[in-house]
Amino acid sequence: MTTGVNLLVGYLAGVVAVTGTTPLDMASTKLQAGTVQGSLAAVLWKTFQQRGLPGLYDGYGYNLALCTNPAISNTLFDQIKGIILQRQGPSATLSSFHAFVLGAFTKSVAILVTYPLTFLKTLLQAGRETTSSRDSLESEPSDKRRRFKTLAVLYSGLGAQLLKGVLQAALLYMAKERIEVGASAVVRLLVKLLRVRSARASIVGPA
């Protein structure tokens, strides 16, 4: 598939996933932020009673935009992997180390691009006010300082998100590559065994 098709397929798959999980994401974010009390089911039911279906989908627009995160990461990984393997030869495979490093790099790029949306979505779902941040930005006398402070606010907490997301993605891609290599080896072995069995049966012939 081309890069554009890869991105589109990854994005659409993400849209399907977040459509089903946004209510759970909203409720768990409220619980983690401490803005509500009770079980996950209780928070979902209370939100539905108070605000209906739209309340369960707080942050859905941000989630739709954030579907680009795995799409960017997966597409970058596949494209760079293809270049590496093309240079190494047709039978080459990606080593665990290379898969880990490449997964960490591509996820870092995806997180850096989409993190402001993640930050804003969390604020919205947690039900926190952003007035103080807005007032502090408006009090800045310089446009340059205001822009810098806006970026600082939007990227607050980036370090923890990078550490968590990058490590998870790197381990995931490393495991995925090893599983693919193992599965390919098993398939080749089964095909070989079937061919040997078929050849023996043709030599022996019908009884």
Protein backbone atom coordinates (compact mmCIF):
# COMPACT_ATOMS: atom_id res chain seq x y z
CA MET A 1 0.00 0.00 0.00
CA THR A 2 1.06 3.58 -0.62
CA THR A 3 1.83 5.95 2.25
CA GLY A 4 -1.47 7.78 1.78
CA VAL A 5 -3.52 4.58 1.79
CA ASN A 6 -1.63 3.35 4.86
CA LEU A 7 -2.45 6.56 6.71
CA LEU A 8 -6.11 6.43 5.68
CA VAL A 9 -6.59 2.78 6.65
CA GLY A 10 -4.88 3.36 9.99
CA TYR A 11 -6.99 6.43 10.66
CA LEU A 12 -10.29 4.71 9.80
CA ALA A 13 -9.42 1.75 12.02
CA GLY A 14 -8.73 4.20 14.84
CA VAL A 15 -12.08 5.95 14.28
CA VAL A 16 -13.94 2.64 14.66
CA ALA A 17 -12.05 1.90 17.87
CA VAL A 18 -12.53 5.29 19.57
CA THR A 19 -16.22 5.39 18.68
CA GLY A 20 -16.72 2.39 20.94
CA THR A 21 -14.26 3.37 23.69
CA THR A 22 -14.75 7.15 24.12
CA PRO A 23 -17.39 6.81 26.91
CA LEU A 24 -15.03 4.53 28.87
CA ASP A 25 -12.14 6.91 28.22
CA MET A 26 -14.21 9.87 29.45
CA ALA A 27 -15.30 8.11 32.64
CA SER A 28 -11.83 6.79 33.50
CA THR A 29 -10.31 10.25 32.94
CA LYS A 30 -12.83 11.82 35.35
CA LEU A 31 -12.06 9.15 37.95
CA GLN A 32 -8.29 9.56 37.59
CA ALA A 33 -8.58 13.34 37.85
CA GLY A 34 -10.69 13.02 41.01
CA THR A 35 -13.51 15.20 39.68
CA VAL A 36 -16.08 12.45 40.32
CA GLN A 37 -16.45 9.54 42.73
CA GLY A 38 -17.82 6.03 42.30
CA SER A 39 -17.36 3.08 39.99
CA LEU A 40 -16.84 3.29 36.25
CA ALA A 41 -20.41 2.12 35.58
CA ALA A 42 -21.80 4.65 38.08
CA VAL A 43 -19.95 7.52 36.40
CA LEU A 44 -21.22 6.45 32.98
CA TRP A 45 -24.82 6.20 34.20
CA LYS A 46 -24.68 9.53 36.08
CA THR A 47 -23.21 11.29 33.05
CA PHE A 48 -25.88 9.82 30.82
CA GLN A 49 -28.65 10.89 33.20
CA GLN A 50 -27.32 14.44 33.45
CA ARG A 51 -26.24 15.13 29.89
CA GLY A 52 -27.48 12.27 27.75
CA LEU A 53 -25.47 10.65 24.97
CA PRO A 54 -23.45 13.82 24.14
CA GLY A 55 -22.09 13.79 27.69
CA LEU A 56 -20.68 10.30 27.19
CA TYR A 57 -18.85 11.51 24.12
CA ASP A 58 -17.03 14.49 25.64
CA GLY A 59 -13.75 14.81 23.78
CA TYR A 60 -14.92 12.68 20.86
CA GLY A 61 -13.77 15.31 18.36
CA TYR A 62 -10.31 15.30 19.91
CA ASN A 63 -10.29 11.50 19.83
CA LEU A 64 -11.12 11.56 16.12
CA ALA A 65 -8.17 13.87 15.52
CA LEU A 66 -5.95 11.71 17.76
CA CYS A 67 -6.62 8.70 15.53
CA THR A 68 -3.82 10.19 13.45
CA ASN A 69 -1.36 9.23 16.21
CA PRO A 70 -1.24 5.45 15.57
CA ALA A 71 -1.72 6.08 11.84
CA ILE A 72 1.40 8.29 11.76
CA SER A 73 3.39 5.89 13.93
CA ASN A 74 2.46 2.73 11.98
CA THR A 75 2.94 4.34 8.58
CA LEU A 76 6.34 5.77 9.50
CA PHE A 77 7.40 2.42 10.95
CA ASP A 78 6.36 0.47 7.84
CA GLN A 79 7.96 2.96 5.44
CA ILE A 80 11.31 3.12 7.26
CA LYS A 81 11.27 -0.65 7.82
CA GLY A 82 10.72 -1.16 4.08
CA ILE A 83 13.73 1.04 3.25
CA ILE A 84 15.96 -0.80 5.74
CA LEU A 85 14.96 -4.28 4.52
CA GLN A 86 15.29 -3.23 0.88
CA ARG A 87 18.91 -2.29 1.48
CA GLN A 88 19.63 -5.51 3.40
CA GLY A 89 18.18 -7.90 0.83
CA PRO A 90 14.96 -9.79 0.07
CA SER A 91 15.35 -12.37 2.87
CA ALA A 92 16.34 -9.85 5.56
CA THR A 93 14.32 -9.34 8.74
CA LEU A 94 14.29 -6.52 11.27
CA SER A 95 16.26 -7.35 14.41
CA SER A 96 14.71 -6.91 17.85
CA PHE A 97 17.03 -3.98 18.57
CA HIS A 98 16.20 -2.20 15.31
CA ALA A 99 12.47 -2.80 15.82
CA PHE A 100 12.69 -1.38 19.34
CA VAL A 101 14.61 1.74 18.26
CA LEU A 102 12.46 2.32 15.19
CA GLY A 103 9.26 1.87 17.19
CA ALA A 104 10.48 4.34 19.81
CA PHE A 105 11.39 6.90 17.14
CA THR A 106 8.14 6.69 15.16
CA LYS A 107 6.00 6.87 18.31
CA SER A 108 7.98 9.89 19.52
CA VAL A 109 7.18 11.70 16.27
CA ALA A 110 3.48 10.82 16.54
CA ILE A 111 3.26 11.95 20.17
CA LEU A 112 5.04 15.25 19.51
CA VAL A 113 2.65 16.03 16.65
CA THR A 114 -0.57 15.14 18.49
CA TYR A 115 0.20 15.88 22.18
CA PRO A 116 -1.57 19.29 22.36
CA LEU A 117 -4.80 17.54 21.33
CA THR A 118 -4.23 14.89 24.00
CA PHE A 119 -3.73 17.60 26.63
CA LEU A 120 -6.88 19.53 25.64
CA LYS A 121 -8.96 16.34 25.46
CA THR A 122 -7.89 15.37 28.98
CA LEU A 123 -8.85 18.80 30.35
CA LEU A 124 -12.26 18.58 28.67
CA GLN A 125 -13.03 15.05 29.83
CA ALA A 126 -11.78 15.69 33.37
CA GLY A 127 -14.10 18.71 33.59
CA ARG A 128 -11.31 21.07 34.66
CA GLU A 129 -11.49 24.79 34.04
CA THR A 130 -8.82 26.39 31.86
CA THR A 131 -9.67 29.96 32.85
CA SER A 132 -6.55 30.46 34.97
CA SER A 133 -4.31 29.34 32.13
CA ARG A 134 -6.13 31.62 29.70
CA ASP A 135 -5.88 34.60 32.07
CA SER A 136 -2.17 34.06 32.62
CA LEU A 137 -1.60 33.95 28.87
CA GLU A 138 -3.60 37.14 28.29
CA SER A 139 -1.58 38.95 30.97
CA GLU A 140 1.65 38.44 29.02
CA PRO A 141 2.70 41.78 27.48
CA SER A 142 4.70 40.32 24.61
CA ASP A 143 3.19 38.32 21.72
CA LYS A 144 6.38 36.27 21.51
CA ARG A 145 6.26 35.40 25.20
CA ARG A 146 2.55 34.63 24.93
CA ARG A 147 3.16 32.19 22.06
CA PHE A 148 5.99 30.55 23.96
CA LYS A 149 3.86 30.21 27.10
CA THR A 150 0.98 28.78 25.05
CA LEU A 151 3.28 26.07 23.73
CA ALA A 152 4.57 25.41 27.24
CA VAL A 153 0.99 24.96 28.51
CA LEU A 154 -0.06 22.72 25.61
CA TYR A 155 3.01 20.51 26.07
CA SER A 156 2.91 20.32 29.87
CA GLY A 157 3.24 16.72 31.01
CA LEU A 158 4.86 15.70 27.72
CA GLY A 159 7.78 13.94 29.42
CA ALA A 160 5.61 11.39 31.20
CA GLN A 161 3.52 10.78 28.08
CA LEU A 162 6.63 10.30 25.95
CA LEU A 163 8.18 7.87 28.43
CA LYS A 164 5.01 5.81 28.70
CA GLY A 165 3.96 5.90 25.05
CA VAL A 166 7.40 5.42 23.54
CA LEU A 167 8.31 2.49 25.80
CA GLN A 168 4.98 0.76 25.16
CA ALA A 169 5.23 1.26 21.40
CA ALA A 170 8.87 0.17 21.23
CA LEU A 171 8.14 -3.08 23.10
CA LEU A 172 5.00 -3.63 21.01
CA TYR A 173 6.81 -3.23 17.68
CA MET A 174 9.69 -5.42 18.87
CA ALA A 175 7.29 -8.19 19.91
CA LYS A 176 5.30 -7.79 16.68
CA GLU A 177 8.41 -8.26 14.55
CA ARG A 178 9.50 -11.36 16.47
CA ILE A 179 6.00 -12.86 16.21
CA GLU A 180 5.90 -12.16 12.46
CA VAL A 181 9.29 -13.83 11.97
CA GLY A 182 8.23 -16.83 14.07
CA ALA A 183 4.89 -17.17 12.29
CA SER A 184 6.58 -16.99 8.87
CA ALA A 185 9.03 -19.71 9.91
CA VAL A 186 6.17 -21.96 11.09
CA VAL A 187 4.23 -21.42 7.85
CA ARG A 188 7.30 -22.23 5.73
CA LEU A 189 7.90 -25.40 7.75
CA LEU A 190 4.28 -26.52 7.33
CA VAL A 191 4.38 -25.88 3.58
CA LYS A 192 7.62 -27.87 3.34
CA LEU A 193 6.14 -30.79 5.29
CA LEU A 194 3.01 -30.79 3.12
CA ARG A 195 5.13 -30.84 -0.05
CA VAL A 196 7.23 -33.74 1.27
CA ARG A 197 4.10 -35.66 2.21
CA SER A 198 2.53 -34.98 -1.18
CA ALA A 199 5.70 -36.09 -2.97
CA ARG A 200 5.85 -39.34 -0.98
CA ALA A 201 2.18 -40.05 -1.68
CA SER A 202 2.70 -39.57 -5.43
CA ILE A 203 5.72 -41.95 -5.40
CA VAL A 204 3.91 -44.68 -3.47
CA GLY A 205 0.79 -44.31 -5.59
CA PRO A 206 -2.63 -45.85 -4.88
CA ALA A 207 -2.67 -49.12 -2.99
